[in-house]
């Protein structure tokens, strides 16, 4: 999978937008592409070094992946309890990584769309 295929997948999910918000902190972060739903991030990748994707997940699932898979790691500057970095080309199939991206999207969408439907 390449960055364009990944972008197409993320942008195919309903209500998703993309931004590169971290460049304002330091130029070296200009290549961090973040995907949002309901104005909250659910995954991010480095466009220059497309070696993995950082996603949000349930703490139990994250712990399980760390115990059973070698191609996952703790993402920089994110809560290790709720976020995980999944490496492309390792022992996690691309289909499973995309499923985790979808799960991350669903977690964030469910959490932040609740208030929009209240009377």
C-alpha atoms as a PDB file:
ATOM      1  CA  UNK A   1       0.000   0.000   0.000  1.00  0.00           C
ATOM      2  CA  UNK A   2       1.263   3.496  -0.775  1.00  0.00           C
ATOM      3  CA  UNK A   3       0.328   6.859   0.712  1.00  0.00           C
ATOM      4  CA  UNK A   4      -2.153   7.715  -2.062  1.00  0.00           C
ATOM      5  CA  UNK A   5      -4.033   4.433  -1.661  1.00  0.00           C
ATOM      6  CA  UNK A   6      -4.121   5.013   2.076  1.00  0.00           C
ATOM      7  CA  UNK A   7      -5.407   8.577   1.655  1.00  0.00           C
ATOM      8  CA  UNK A   8      -8.132   7.350  -0.697  1.00  0.00           C
ATOM      9  CA  UNK A   9      -9.203   4.762   1.855  1.00  0.00           C
ATOM     10  CA  UNK A  10      -9.369   7.257   4.727  1.00  0.00           C
ATOM     11  CA  UNK A  11     -11.139   9.903   2.666  1.00  0.00           C
ATOM     12  CA  UNK A  12     -13.709   7.317   1.536  1.00  0.00           C
ATOM     13  CA  UNK A  13     -15.007   7.137   5.103  1.00  0.00           C
ATOM     14  CA  UNK A  14     -17.993   9.423   5.671  1.00  0.00           C
ATOM     15  CA  UNK A  15     -17.193  12.910   6.954  1.00  0.00           C
ATOM     16  CA  UNK A  16     -13.400  12.545   6.941  1.00  0.00           C
ATOM     17  CA  UNK A  17     -11.122  15.522   6.414  1.00  0.00           C
ATOM     18  CA  UNK A  18      -7.333  15.755   6.331  1.00  0.00           C
ATOM     19  CA  UNK A  19      -4.876  18.363   7.581  1.00  0.00           C
ATOM     20  CA  UNK A  20      -1.194  18.810   8.289  1.00  0.00           C
ATOM     21  CA  UNK A  21      -1.594  20.668  11.594  1.00  0.00           C
ATOM     22  CA  UNK A  22       1.765  20.153  13.242  1.00  0.00           C
ATOM     23  CA  UNK A  23       3.983  22.151  10.879  1.00  0.00           C
ATOM     24  CA  UNK A  24       3.183  25.314  12.784  1.00  0.00           C
ATOM     25  CA  UNK A  25       5.141  23.883  15.716  1.00  0.00           C
ATOM     26  CA  UNK A  26       8.230  22.924  13.704  1.00  0.00           C
ATOM     27  CA  UNK A  27       8.942  22.514   9.991  1.00  0.00           C
ATOM     28  CA  UNK A  28       9.975  18.875  10.518  1.00  0.00           C
ATOM     29  CA  UNK A  29       6.318  18.087  11.306  1.00  0.00           C
ATOM     30  CA  UNK A  30       5.000  19.390   7.951  1.00  0.00           C
ATOM     31  CA  UNK A  31       4.860  15.832   6.640  1.00  0.00           C
ATOM     32  CA  UNK A  32       2.508  14.525   9.347  1.00  0.00           C
ATOM     33  CA  UNK A  33      -0.877  14.000   7.698  1.00  0.00           C
ATOM     34  CA  UNK A  34      -3.784  13.717  10.121  1.00  0.00           C
ATOM     35  CA  UNK A  35      -7.262  12.412   9.324  1.00  0.00           C
ATOM     36  CA  UNK A  36     -10.260  13.740  11.238  1.00  0.00           C
ATOM     37  CA  UNK A  37     -13.894  12.848  11.788  1.00  0.00           C
ATOM     38  CA  UNK A  38     -16.180  15.229  13.711  1.00  0.00           C
ATOM     39  CA  UNK A  39     -13.153  17.586  13.902  1.00  0.00           C
ATOM     40  CA  UNK A  40     -11.171  15.061  15.994  1.00  0.00           C
ATOM     41  CA  UNK A  41      -8.189  13.040  14.833  1.00  0.00           C
ATOM     42  CA  UNK A  42      -8.487   9.308  14.369  1.00  0.00           C
ATOM     43  CA  UNK A  43      -5.250   8.464  12.543  1.00  0.00           C
ATOM     44  CA  UNK A  44      -2.036   9.961  11.257  1.00  0.00           C
ATOM     45  CA  UNK A  45       0.860   9.084   8.983  1.00  0.00           C
ATOM     46  CA  UNK A  46       4.177  10.559   7.987  1.00  0.00           C
ATOM     47  CA  UNK A  47       3.944  11.283   4.256  1.00  0.00           C
ATOM     48  CA  UNK A  48       7.735  11.351   3.816  1.00  0.00           C
ATOM     49  CA  UNK A  49       8.325   8.068   5.641  1.00  0.00           C
ATOM     50  CA  UNK A  50       5.182   6.035   5.056  1.00  0.00           C
ATOM     51  CA  UNK A  51       6.267   3.155   7.254  1.00  0.00           C
ATOM     52  CA  UNK A  52       3.298   2.984   9.599  1.00  0.00           C
ATOM     53  CA  UNK A  53       0.040   4.509  10.753  1.00  0.00           C
ATOM     54  CA  UNK A  54      -0.946   5.734  14.208  1.00  0.00           C
ATOM     55  CA  UNK A  55      -4.515   4.915  15.240  1.00  0.00           C
ATOM     56  CA  UNK A  56      -6.744   5.151  18.266  1.00  0.00           C
ATOM     57  CA  UNK A  57      -7.976   1.912  19.810  1.00  0.00           C
ATOM     58  CA  UNK A  58      -9.446   0.211  22.834  1.00  0.00           C
ATOM     59  CA  UNK A  59      -6.833  -0.270  25.585  1.00  0.00           C
ATOM     60  CA  UNK A  60      -7.397  -4.063  25.663  1.00  0.00           C
ATOM     61  CA  UNK A  61      -6.833  -4.403  21.908  1.00  0.00           C
ATOM     62  CA  UNK A  62      -3.724  -2.219  22.047  1.00  0.00           C
ATOM     63  CA  UNK A  63      -2.271  -4.330  24.867  1.00  0.00           C
ATOM     64  CA  UNK A  64      -3.047  -7.516  22.923  1.00  0.00           C
ATOM     65  CA  UNK A  65      -1.300  -6.226  19.797  1.00  0.00           C
ATOM     66  CA  UNK A  66       1.803  -5.238  21.778  1.00  0.00           C
ATOM     67  CA  UNK A  67       1.936  -8.742  23.262  1.00  0.00           C
ATOM     68  CA  UNK A  68       1.367 -10.662  20.024  1.00  0.00           C
ATOM     69  CA  UNK A  69       2.794  -8.544  17.193  1.00  0.00           C
ATOM     70  CA  UNK A  70       6.270  -7.194  16.607  1.00  0.00           C
ATOM     71  CA  UNK A  71       5.327  -4.535  14.031  1.00  0.00           C
ATOM     72  CA  UNK A  72       3.544  -2.239  16.449  1.00  0.00           C
ATOM     73  CA  UNK A  73       4.989   0.396  18.738  1.00  0.00           C
ATOM     74  CA  UNK A  74       4.123   3.221  21.085  1.00  0.00           C
ATOM     75  CA  UNK A  75       3.532   6.400  19.064  1.00  0.00           C
ATOM     76  CA  UNK A  76       5.457   9.539  19.896  1.00  0.00           C
ATOM     77  CA  UNK A  77       3.529  12.238  21.771  1.00  0.00           C
ATOM     78  CA  UNK A  78       0.324  10.206  22.049  1.00  0.00           C
ATOM     79  CA  UNK A  79      -1.188   8.266  24.948  1.00  0.00           C
ATOM     80  CA  UNK A  80       0.159   4.718  24.828  1.00  0.00           C
ATOM     81  CA  UNK A  81      -3.065   3.526  26.457  1.00  0.00           C
ATOM     82  CA  UNK A  82      -5.315   4.743  23.616  1.00  0.00           C
ATOM     83  CA  UNK A  83      -3.008   5.028  20.580  1.00  0.00           C
ATOM     84  CA  UNK A  84      -0.770   2.565  18.734  1.00  0.00           C
ATOM     85  CA  UNK A  85       1.531   2.765  15.733  1.00  0.00           C
ATOM     86  CA  UNK A  86       1.132  -0.103  13.281  1.00  0.00           C
ATOM     87  CA  UNK A  87       3.967  -0.809  10.856  1.00  0.00           C
ATOM     88  CA  UNK A  88       3.374  -1.592   7.198  1.00  0.00           C
ATOM     89  CA  UNK A  89       4.981  -4.748   5.842  1.00  0.00           C
ATOM     90  CA  UNK A  90       5.393  -6.472   9.194  1.00  0.00           C
ATOM     91  CA  UNK A  91       3.437  -9.195  10.926  1.00  0.00           C
ATOM     92  CA  UNK A  92       0.128  -7.307  10.734  1.00  0.00           C
ATOM     93  CA  UNK A  93      -1.553  -7.750   7.340  1.00  0.00           C
ATOM     94  CA  UNK A  94      -2.569  -4.569   5.512  1.00  0.00           C
ATOM     95  CA  UNK A  95      -6.227  -5.628   5.727  1.00  0.00           C
ATOM     96  CA  UNK A  96      -5.951  -5.791   9.528  1.00  0.00           C
ATOM     97  CA  UNK A  97      -4.298  -2.369   9.636  1.00  0.00           C
ATOM     98  CA  UNK A  98      -7.121  -0.916   7.557  1.00  0.00           C
ATOM     99  CA  UNK A  99      -9.602  -2.588   9.906  1.00  0.00           C
ATOM    100  CA  UNK A 100      -7.865  -0.854  12.831  1.00  0.00           C
ATOM    101  CA  UNK A 101      -8.071   2.464  10.960  1.00  0.00           C
ATOM    102  CA  UNK A 102     -11.800   1.879  10.468  1.00  0.00           C
ATOM    103  CA  UNK A 103     -12.174   0.964  14.142  1.00  0.00           C
ATOM    104  CA  UNK A 104     -10.357   4.150  15.149  1.00  0.00           C
ATOM    105  CA  UNK A 105     -12.687   6.145  12.904  1.00  0.00           C
ATOM    106  CA  UNK A 106     -15.734   4.473  14.493  1.00  0.00           C
ATOM    107  CA  UNK A 107     -14.479   5.126  18.051  1.00  0.00           C
ATOM    108  CA  UNK A 108     -13.945   8.819  17.397  1.00  0.00           C
ATOM    109  CA  UNK A 109     -17.128   9.252  15.368  1.00  0.00           C
ATOM    110  CA  UNK A 110     -19.255   7.606  18.070  1.00  0.00           C
ATOM    111  CA  UNK A 111     -17.707   9.686  20.834  1.00  0.00           C
ATOM    112  CA  UNK A 112     -17.961  13.069  19.148  1.00  0.00           C
ATOM    113  CA  UNK A 113     -21.168  12.759  17.156  1.00  0.00           C
ATOM    114  CA  UNK A 114     -23.385  12.063  20.186  1.00  0.00           C
ATOM    115  CA  UNK A 115     -23.934  15.707  21.093  1.00  0.00           C
ATOM    116  CA  UNK A 116     -24.905  16.619  17.547  1.00  0.00           C
ATOM    117  CA  UNK A 117     -28.002  14.417  17.696  1.00  0.00           C
ATOM    118  CA  UNK A 118     -29.361  15.610  21.040  1.00  0.00           C
ATOM    119  CA  UNK A 119     -32.405  17.899  21.071  1.00  0.00           C
END
